Amino acid sequence: MKRIQIIGFAAMILVLLNGCLKKGLPEYESWDVNNIDNVYVEYRYESGKILNDKPVVAYQRLNVQKNVLANSNTIELSIEVPQASGTFTEEVRNKLMQNYLWMYMDISTAAKIAPISGAPKLGDPVDLTKEWQYQVTAANGNAKTWTIRVVSFKK
């Protein structure tokens, strides 16, 4: 009897979960948008703290203004380094260089992004003295190549 109750309960759970998974979900496979919506730049450095015998990495987000040139799929960045504060000391700030930063982006819903033409993967350090290209592919397979270029860097 107990076995029948367990099987019945499991069947009821499967029916309930199956119904929840299908109700009201958007159909992303036809989504055709392949844009880069925002670009962020940060500097990563050792914070001076140790955890499990390893240095703790801190980060400082840089101030970024973007100019999107839609006709050429180019995003021009103006980057400004903020003033020292907290673990982002003047000594750390002075070590910050445009050729060793991290960049990440917001892209269109259900799209994927990949570096092309030798660009570094997002999450790896990037030399922002150079321009880089990334391909954004929409859920329906349409791809667009975007160029990221820094036009101003103020420290």
N, C-alpha and C. Protein backbone atom coordinates (compact mmCIF):
# COMPACT_ATOMS: atom_id res chain seq x y z
N MET A 1 0.82 -1.20 0.00
CA MET A 1 0.00 0.00 0.00
C MET A 1 0.86 1.26 0.00
N LYS A 2 1.93 1.24 0.81
CA LYS A 2 2.81 2.40 0.91
C LYS A 2 3.49 2.66 -0.44
N ARG A 3 3.83 1.58 -1.13
CA ARG A 3 4.48 1.71 -2.44
C ARG A 3 3.55 2.39 -3.44
N ILE A 4 2.30 2.07 -3.42
CA ILE A 4 1.32 2.68 -4.33
C ILE A 4 1.17 4.17 -4.01
N GLN A 5 1.19 4.53 -2.74
CA GLN A 5 1.09 5.93 -2.35
C GLN A 5 2.31 6.72 -2.85
N ILE A 6 3.49 6.14 -2.73
CA ILE A 6 4.71 6.81 -3.18
C ILE A 6 4.68 7.00 -4.69
N ILE A 7 4.28 5.98 -5.43
CA ILE A 7 4.19 6.08 -6.89
C ILE A 7 3.16 7.13 -7.29
N GLY A 8 2.01 7.13 -6.60
CA GLY A 8 0.97 8.12 -6.89
C GLY A 8 1.44 9.54 -6.61
N PHE A 9 2.13 9.72 -5.49
CA PHE A 9 2.66 11.03 -5.14
C PHE A 9 3.70 11.50 -6.17
N ALA A 10 4.60 10.60 -6.58
CA ALA A 10 5.61 10.94 -7.58
C ALA A 10 4.96 11.32 -8.91
N ALA A 11 3.93 10.59 -9.31
CA ALA A 11 3.22 10.90 -10.56
C ALA A 11 2.56 12.27 -10.48
N MET A 12 1.96 12.58 -9.33
CA MET A 12 1.31 13.87 -9.16
C MET A 12 2.34 15.01 -9.24
N ILE A 13 3.50 14.83 -8.63
CA ILE A 13 4.56 15.84 -8.68
C ILE A 13 5.01 16.06 -10.12
N LEU A 14 5.21 14.98 -10.87
CA LEU A 14 5.63 15.10 -12.28
C LEU A 14 4.61 15.87 -13.10
N VAL A 15 3.33 15.60 -12.90
CA VAL A 15 2.28 16.30 -13.64
C VAL A 15 2.29 17.79 -13.29
N LEU A 16 2.42 18.10 -12.01
CA LEU A 16 2.44 19.50 -11.59
C LEU A 16 3.66 20.24 -12.14
N LEU A 17 4.83 19.62 -12.07
CA LEU A 17 6.04 20.27 -12.57
C LEU A 17 6.00 20.43 -14.07
N ASN A 18 5.50 19.47 -14.78
CA ASN A 18 5.42 19.55 -16.24
C ASN A 18 4.51 20.70 -16.67
N GLY A 19 3.40 20.90 -15.98
CA GLY A 19 2.49 21.98 -16.31
C GLY A 19 3.12 23.34 -16.07
N CYS A 20 3.93 23.48 -15.03
CA CYS A 20 4.57 24.76 -14.71
C CYS A 20 5.63 25.12 -15.73
N LEU A 21 6.29 24.14 -16.27
CA LEU A 21 7.39 24.42 -17.19
C LEU A 21 6.92 24.98 -18.52
N LYS A 22 5.71 24.68 -18.92
CA LYS A 22 5.26 25.09 -20.25
C LYS A 22 4.40 26.34 -20.24
N LYS A 23 3.84 26.70 -19.12
CA LYS A 23 2.88 27.79 -19.08
C LYS A 23 3.54 29.16 -19.18
N GLY A 24 3.22 29.92 -20.20
CA GLY A 24 3.62 31.31 -20.31
C GLY A 24 5.08 31.58 -20.61
N LEU A 25 5.84 30.60 -21.06
CA LEU A 25 7.24 30.86 -21.37
C LEU A 25 7.37 31.53 -22.74
N PRO A 26 8.25 32.52 -22.86
CA PRO A 26 8.46 33.15 -24.17
C PRO A 26 9.18 32.20 -25.12
N GLU A 27 8.97 32.40 -26.38
CA GLU A 27 9.60 31.56 -27.40
C GLU A 27 10.85 32.26 -27.92
N TYR A 28 11.97 32.04 -27.25
CA TYR A 28 13.21 32.73 -27.58
C TYR A 28 13.84 32.26 -28.88
N GLU A 29 13.49 31.09 -29.38
CA GLU A 29 14.15 30.62 -30.59
C GLU A 29 13.89 31.52 -31.79
N SER A 30 12.85 32.35 -31.73
CA SER A 30 12.59 33.28 -32.84
C SER A 30 13.08 34.70 -32.53
N TRP A 31 13.68 34.89 -31.38
CA TRP A 31 14.18 36.20 -30.97
C TRP A 31 15.30 36.61 -31.91
N ASP A 32 15.23 37.81 -32.48
CA ASP A 32 16.18 38.21 -33.52
C ASP A 32 17.08 39.38 -33.14
N VAL A 33 17.11 39.76 -31.86
CA VAL A 33 17.90 40.92 -31.46
C VAL A 33 19.31 40.47 -31.05
N ASN A 34 20.32 41.20 -31.55
CA ASN A 34 21.72 40.82 -31.32
C ASN A 34 22.58 42.06 -31.04
N ASN A 35 22.21 42.77 -30.00
CA ASN A 35 22.89 44.02 -29.66
C ASN A 35 23.74 43.88 -28.40
N ILE A 36 24.69 44.79 -28.27
CA ILE A 36 25.39 45.00 -27.01
C ILE A 36 24.72 46.22 -26.38
N ASP A 37 24.11 46.02 -25.23
CA ASP A 37 23.33 47.09 -24.60
C ASP A 37 24.15 47.96 -23.67
N ASN A 38 25.17 47.38 -23.07
CA ASN A 38 26.01 48.17 -22.16
C ASN A 38 27.38 47.53 -22.04
N VAL A 39 28.37 48.33 -21.75
CA VAL A 39 29.75 47.86 -21.57
C VAL A 39 30.25 48.38 -20.23
N TYR A 40 30.85 47.48 -19.46
CA TYR A 40 31.41 47.84 -18.15
C TYR A 40 32.91 47.55 -18.19
N VAL A 41 33.67 48.34 -17.46
CA VAL A 41 35.11 48.15 -17.38
C VAL A 41 35.49 48.23 -15.90
N GLU A 42 36.35 47.30 -15.48
CA GLU A 42 36.81 47.33 -14.11
C GLU A 42 38.29 46.98 -14.02
N TYR A 43 38.88 47.37 -12.91
CA TYR A 43 40.27 47.05 -12.60
C TYR A 43 40.27 46.10 -11.42
N ARG A 44 41.02 45.00 -11.53
CA ARG A 44 41.11 44.01 -10.46
C ARG A 44 42.50 44.04 -9.85
N TYR A 45 42.55 43.91 -8.53
CA TYR A 45 43.82 44.01 -7.82
C TYR A 45 43.72 43.23 -6.51
N GLU A 46 44.86 42.91 -5.94
CA GLU A 46 44.89 42.23 -4.64
C GLU A 46 44.52 43.22 -3.55
N SER A 47 43.56 42.84 -2.72
CA SER A 47 43.03 43.75 -1.70
C SER A 47 43.91 43.88 -0.46
N GLY A 48 44.90 43.01 -0.32
CA GLY A 48 45.74 43.01 0.88
C GLY A 48 45.23 42.03 1.91
N LYS A 49 44.07 41.43 1.67
CA LYS A 49 43.51 40.43 2.58
C LYS A 49 43.87 39.03 2.08
N ILE A 50 43.94 38.08 3.00
CA ILE A 50 44.25 36.69 2.68
C ILE A 50 43.10 35.82 3.15
N LEU A 51 42.67 34.88 2.33
CA LEU A 51 41.63 33.92 2.67
C LEU A 51 42.08 32.55 2.20
N ASN A 52 42.16 31.60 3.11
CA ASN A 52 42.64 30.25 2.78
C ASN A 52 44.01 30.29 2.11
N ASP A 53 44.88 31.11 2.66
CA ASP A 53 46.26 31.25 2.18
C ASP A 53 46.37 31.82 0.76
N LYS A 54 45.31 32.46 0.28
CA LYS A 54 45.34 33.07 -1.06
C LYS A 54 44.90 34.52 -0.95
N PRO A 55 45.49 35.39 -1.77
CA PRO A 55 45.09 36.81 -1.73
C PRO A 55 43.66 36.99 -2.25
N VAL A 56 42.94 37.87 -1.61
CA VAL A 56 41.57 38.20 -2.03
C VAL A 56 41.64 39.27 -3.11
N VAL A 57 40.97 39.03 -4.21
CA VAL A 57 40.96 39.98 -5.31
C VAL A 57 39.82 40.98 -5.11
N ALA A 58 40.13 42.25 -5.22
CA ALA A 58 39.14 43.31 -5.16
C ALA A 58 39.00 43.90 -6.56
N TYR A 59 37.95 44.66 -6.77
CA TYR A 59 37.79 45.31 -8.07
C TYR A 59 37.27 46.72 -7.89
N GLN A 60 37.60 47.53 -8.86
CA GLN A 60 37.10 48.91 -8.89
C GLN A 60 36.46 49.12 -10.26
N ARG A 61 35.17 49.38 -10.27
CA ARG A 61 34.49 49.67 -11.53
C ARG A 61 34.89 51.07 -11.98
N LEU A 62 35.22 51.20 -13.25
CA LEU A 62 35.59 52.49 -13.80
C LEU A 62 34.35 53.16 -14.37
N ASN A 63 34.37 54.48 -14.44
CA ASN A 63 33.25 55.23 -14.99
C ASN A 63 33.33 55.17 -16.52
N VAL A 64 32.28 54.68 -17.14
CA VAL A 64 32.27 54.48 -18.59
C VAL A 64 31.08 55.20 -19.20
N GLN A 65 31.36 56.02 -20.19
CA GLN A 65 30.33 56.62 -21.03
C GLN A 65 30.45 55.98 -22.40
N LYS A 66 29.31 55.60 -23.00
CA LYS A 66 29.39 54.94 -24.30
C LYS A 66 28.65 55.74 -25.35
N ASN A 67 29.18 55.66 -26.56
CA ASN A 67 28.55 56.26 -27.72
C ASN A 67 28.37 55.14 -28.74
N VAL A 68 27.12 54.80 -29.05
CA VAL A 68 26.84 53.71 -29.98
C VAL A 68 26.68 54.29 -31.38
N LEU A 69 27.52 53.82 -32.29
CA LEU A 69 27.42 54.19 -33.71
C LEU A 69 26.72 53.03 -34.42
N ALA A 70 25.39 53.10 -34.46
CA ALA A 70 24.58 51.97 -34.94
C ALA A 70 24.86 51.62 -36.39
N ASN A 71 25.19 52.61 -37.22
CA ASN A 71 25.41 52.34 -38.65
C ASN A 71 26.65 51.49 -38.89
N SER A 72 27.61 51.48 -37.94
CA SER A 72 28.83 50.68 -38.11
C SER A 72 28.99 49.63 -37.01
N ASN A 73 27.97 49.48 -36.16
CA ASN A 73 28.03 48.52 -35.04
C ASN A 73 29.29 48.73 -34.21
N THR A 74 29.55 49.99 -33.89
CA THR A 74 30.72 50.35 -33.11
C THR A 74 30.27 51.01 -31.82
N ILE A 75 30.95 50.66 -30.72
CA ILE A 75 30.69 51.33 -29.45
C ILE A 75 31.98 52.01 -29.04
N GLU A 76 31.90 53.33 -28.91
CA GLU A 76 33.04 54.13 -28.47
C GLU A 76 32.90 54.38 -26.97
N LEU A 77 34.00 54.09 -26.25
CA LEU A 77 33.98 54.25 -24.79
C LEU A 77 34.86 55.41 -24.35
N SER A 78 34.35 56.19 -23.42
CA SER A 78 35.13 57.19 -22.71
C SER A 78 35.22 56.70 -21.27
N ILE A 79 36.43 56.44 -20.81
CA ILE A 79 36.65 55.84 -19.50
C ILE A 79 37.33 56.84 -18.58
N GLU A 80 36.83 56.92 -17.34
CA GLU A 80 37.44 57.77 -16.33
C GLU A 80 37.68 56.94 -15.07
N VAL A 81 38.88 57.02 -14.54
CA VAL A 81 39.24 56.29 -13.33
C VAL A 81 38.76 57.11 -12.13
N PRO A 82 37.99 56.49 -11.21
CA PRO A 82 37.53 57.24 -10.04
C PRO A 82 38.66 57.53 -9.06
N GLN A 83 38.41 58.42 -8.14
CA GLN A 83 39.39 58.76 -7.11
C GLN A 83 39.57 57.58 -6.15
N ALA A 84 40.70 57.56 -5.47
CA ALA A 84 41.01 56.50 -4.51
C ALA A 84 40.02 56.54 -3.35
N SER A 85 39.64 55.33 -2.90
CA SER A 85 38.81 55.20 -1.69
C SER A 85 38.82 53.74 -1.26
N GLY A 86 38.76 53.50 0.05
CA GLY A 86 38.76 52.14 0.57
C GLY A 86 40.05 51.41 0.21
N THR A 87 39.90 50.16 -0.26
CA THR A 87 41.09 49.39 -0.66
C THR A 87 41.65 49.86 -1.99
N PHE A 88 40.89 50.68 -2.71
CA PHE A 88 41.38 51.27 -3.97
C PHE A 88 42.17 52.52 -3.60
N THR A 89 43.35 52.27 -3.07
CA THR A 89 44.21 53.35 -2.56
C THR A 89 44.87 54.10 -3.71
N GLU A 90 45.51 55.19 -3.38
CA GLU A 90 46.24 55.97 -4.39
C GLU A 90 47.35 55.12 -5.00
N GLU A 91 48.00 54.28 -4.20
CA GLU A 91 49.05 53.39 -4.71
C GLU A 91 48.48 52.40 -5.73
N VAL A 92 47.34 51.80 -5.41
CA VAL A 92 46.68 50.87 -6.34
C VAL A 92 46.24 51.63 -7.59
N ARG A 93 45.65 52.80 -7.39
CA ARG A 93 45.17 53.62 -8.52
C ARG A 93 46.31 53.95 -9.49
N ASN A 94 47.48 54.25 -8.95
CA ASN A 94 48.63 54.60 -9.79
C ASN A 94 49.12 53.41 -10.63
N LYS A 95 48.85 52.20 -10.19
CA LYS A 95 49.26 51.00 -10.94
C LYS A 95 48.30 50.67 -12.08
N LEU A 96 47.11 51.24 -12.04
CA LEU A 96 46.10 50.95 -13.04
C LEU A 96 46.55 51.43 -14.42
N MET A 97 46.49 50.53 -15.39
CA MET A 97 46.90 50.86 -16.77
C MET A 97 45.78 50.48 -17.73
N GLN A 98 45.64 51.24 -18.80
CA GLN A 98 44.61 51.00 -19.79
C GLN A 98 44.80 49.65 -20.49
N ASN A 99 46.00 49.11 -20.46
CA ASN A 99 46.25 47.86 -21.18
C ASN A 99 46.09 46.62 -20.31
N TYR A 100 45.51 46.77 -19.09
CA TYR A 100 45.28 45.61 -18.24
C TYR A 100 44.02 45.83 -17.41
N LEU A 101 42.87 45.72 -18.09
CA LEU A 101 41.57 45.92 -17.45
C LEU A 101 40.66 44.73 -17.78
N TRP A 102 39.47 44.73 -17.18
CA TRP A 102 38.49 43.69 -17.47
C TRP A 102 37.24 44.37 -18.01
N MET A 103 36.64 43.72 -18.99
CA MET A 103 35.46 44.27 -19.64
C MET A 103 34.37 43.21 -19.64
N TYR A 104 33.14 43.62 -19.38
CA TYR A 104 32.01 42.73 -19.52
C TYR A 104 30.83 43.53 -20.05
N MET A 105 29.82 42.83 -20.55
CA MET A 105 28.76 43.50 -21.30
C MET A 105 27.39 42.94 -20.99
N ASP A 106 26.38 43.77 -21.20
CA ASP A 106 24.99 43.31 -21.25
C ASP A 106 24.66 43.16 -22.72
N ILE A 107 24.06 42.01 -23.07
CA ILE A 107 23.66 41.79 -24.46
C ILE A 107 22.17 41.48 -24.52
N SER A 108 21.65 41.39 -25.72
CA SER A 108 20.22 41.13 -25.92
C SER A 108 19.78 39.82 -25.28
N THR A 109 18.52 39.77 -24.91
CA THR A 109 17.93 38.57 -24.33
C THR A 109 18.12 37.37 -25.26
N ALA A 110 18.53 36.25 -24.69
CA ALA A 110 18.70 34.97 -25.38
C ALA A 110 19.81 34.96 -26.43
N ALA A 111 20.62 36.00 -26.46
CA ALA A 111 21.75 36.05 -27.40
C ALA A 111 22.99 35.47 -26.74
N LYS A 112 23.99 35.19 -27.56
CA LYS A 112 25.28 34.77 -27.01
C LYS A 112 26.36 35.62 -27.67
N ILE A 113 27.50 35.73 -26.99
CA ILE A 113 28.57 36.59 -27.46
C ILE A 113 29.86 35.79 -27.54
N ALA A 114 30.66 36.08 -28.57
CA ALA A 114 31.94 35.38 -28.74
C ALA A 114 32.98 36.36 -29.27
N PRO A 115 34.20 36.28 -28.76
CA PRO A 115 35.28 37.14 -29.28
C PRO A 115 35.67 36.68 -30.68
N ILE A 116 36.01 37.64 -31.53
CA ILE A 116 36.51 37.31 -32.87
C ILE A 116 37.74 38.16 -33.16
N SER A 117 38.46 37.80 -34.20
CA SER A 117 39.65 38.54 -34.64
C SER A 117 40.68 38.70 -33.53
N GLY A 118 40.84 37.67 -32.69
CA GLY A 118 41.86 37.70 -31.65
C GLY A 118 41.47 38.43 -30.38
N ALA A 119 40.22 38.85 -30.26
CA ALA A 119 39.77 39.54 -29.05
C ALA A 119 39.81 38.58 -27.86
N PRO A 120 40.10 39.09 -26.67
CA PRO A 120 40.10 38.23 -25.48
C PRO A 120 38.68 37.84 -25.09
N LYS A 121 38.56 36.68 -24.44
CA LYS A 121 37.26 36.26 -23.91
C LYS A 121 36.85 37.23 -22.82
N LEU A 122 35.56 37.45 -22.70
CA LEU A 122 35.06 38.27 -21.60
C LEU A 122 35.39 37.53 -20.30
N GLY A 123 35.90 38.26 -19.34
CA GLY A 123 36.35 37.66 -18.09
C GLY A 123 37.86 37.54 -18.02
N ASP A 124 38.53 37.69 -19.16
CA ASP A 124 39.99 37.72 -19.20
C ASP A 124 40.44 39.18 -19.26
N PRO A 125 41.67 39.47 -18.82
CA PRO A 125 42.16 40.85 -18.94
C PRO A 125 42.21 41.28 -20.40
N VAL A 126 41.99 42.57 -20.62
CA VAL A 126 41.94 43.10 -21.98
C VAL A 126 42.79 44.36 -22.07
N ASP A 127 43.46 44.51 -23.21
CA ASP A 127 44.25 45.70 -23.51
C ASP A 127 43.34 46.68 -24.22
N LEU A 128 42.86 47.69 -23.51
CA LEU A 128 41.92 48.64 -24.11
C LEU A 128 42.61 49.80 -24.82
N THR A 129 43.91 49.64 -25.13
CA THR A 129 44.55 50.58 -26.04
C THR A 129 44.27 50.15 -27.48
N LYS A 130 43.70 48.95 -27.64
CA LYS A 130 43.36 48.42 -28.96
C LYS A 130 41.85 48.32 -29.06
N GLU A 131 41.35 48.25 -30.30
CA GLU A 131 39.92 47.99 -30.47
C GLU A 131 39.71 46.50 -30.67
N TRP A 132 38.55 46.02 -30.23
CA TRP A 132 38.26 44.60 -30.25
C TRP A 132 36.91 44.35 -30.88
N GLN A 133 36.76 43.15 -31.45
CA GLN A 133 35.49 42.78 -32.08
C GLN A 133 34.89 41.56 -31.39
N TYR A 134 33.57 41.63 -31.23
CA TYR A 134 32.79 40.55 -30.65
C TYR A 134 31.58 40.29 -31.53
N GLN A 135 31.24 39.02 -31.68
CA GLN A 135 30.07 38.65 -32.47
C GLN A 135 28.94 38.29 -31.51
N VAL A 136 27.80 38.97 -31.68
CA VAL A 136 26.62 38.69 -30.89
C VAL A 136 25.63 37.96 -31.79
N THR A 137 25.24 36.76 -31.36
CA THR A 137 24.33 35.93 -32.15
C THR A 137 22.99 35.85 -31.45
N ALA A 138 21.94 36.25 -32.14
CA ALA A 138 20.58 36.20 -31.59
C ALA A 138 20.12 34.74 -31.50
N ALA A 139 19.03 34.52 -30.78
CA ALA A 139 18.51 33.17 -30.60
C ALA A 139 18.11 32.53 -31.93
N ASN A 140 17.73 33.34 -32.92
CA ASN A 140 17.34 32.78 -34.21
C ASN A 140 18.54 32.55 -35.13
N GLY A 141 19.76 32.84 -34.66
CA GLY A 141 20.97 32.58 -35.45
C GLY A 141 21.54 33.79 -36.17
N ASN A 142 20.80 34.90 -36.23
CA ASN A 142 21.33 36.11 -36.87
C ASN A 142 22.49 36.66 -36.05
N ALA A 143 23.60 36.95 -36.72
CA ALA A 143 24.80 37.43 -36.02
C ALA A 143 25.14 38.85 -36.46
N LYS A 144 25.72 39.58 -35.52
CA LYS A 144 26.18 40.95 -35.79
C LYS A 144 27.55 41.10 -35.14
N THR A 145 28.49 41.69 -35.88
CA THR A 145 29.83 41.94 -35.35
C THR A 145 29.88 43.36 -34.80
N TRP A 146 30.30 43.46 -33.53
CA TRP A 146 30.43 44.75 -32.86
C TRP A 146 31.90 45.06 -32.62
N THR A 147 32.27 46.33 -32.80
CA THR A 147 33.62 46.80 -32.50
C THR A 147 33.56 47.67 -31.25
N ILE A 148 34.46 47.38 -30.30
CA ILE A 148 34.57 48.17 -29.07
C ILE A 148 35.87 48.96 -29.14
N ARG A 149 35.77 50.28 -28.97
CA ARG A 149 36.94 51.16 -29.11
C ARG A 149 36.93 52.20 -27.99
N VAL A 150 38.06 52.39 -27.34
CA VAL A 150 38.19 53.44 -26.32
C VAL A 150 38.68 54.70 -27.01
N VAL A 151 37.93 55.78 -26.86
CA VAL A 151 38.29 57.05 -27.49
C VAL A 151 38.85 58.05 -26.48
N SER A 152 38.65 57.75 -25.18
CA SER A 152 39.15 58.65 -24.14
C SER A 152 39.40 57.84 -22.88
N PHE A 153 40.58 58.08 -22.27
CA PHE A 153 40.94 57.41 -21.02
C PHE A 153 41.55 58.44 -20.08
N LYS A 154 40.84 58.77 -19.01
CA LYS A 154 41.32 59.80 -18.07
C LYS A 154 41.59 59.17 -16.72
N LYS A 155 42.77 59.45 -16.22
CA LYS A 155 43.18 58.91 -14.94
C LYS A 155 43.37 60.01 -13.92
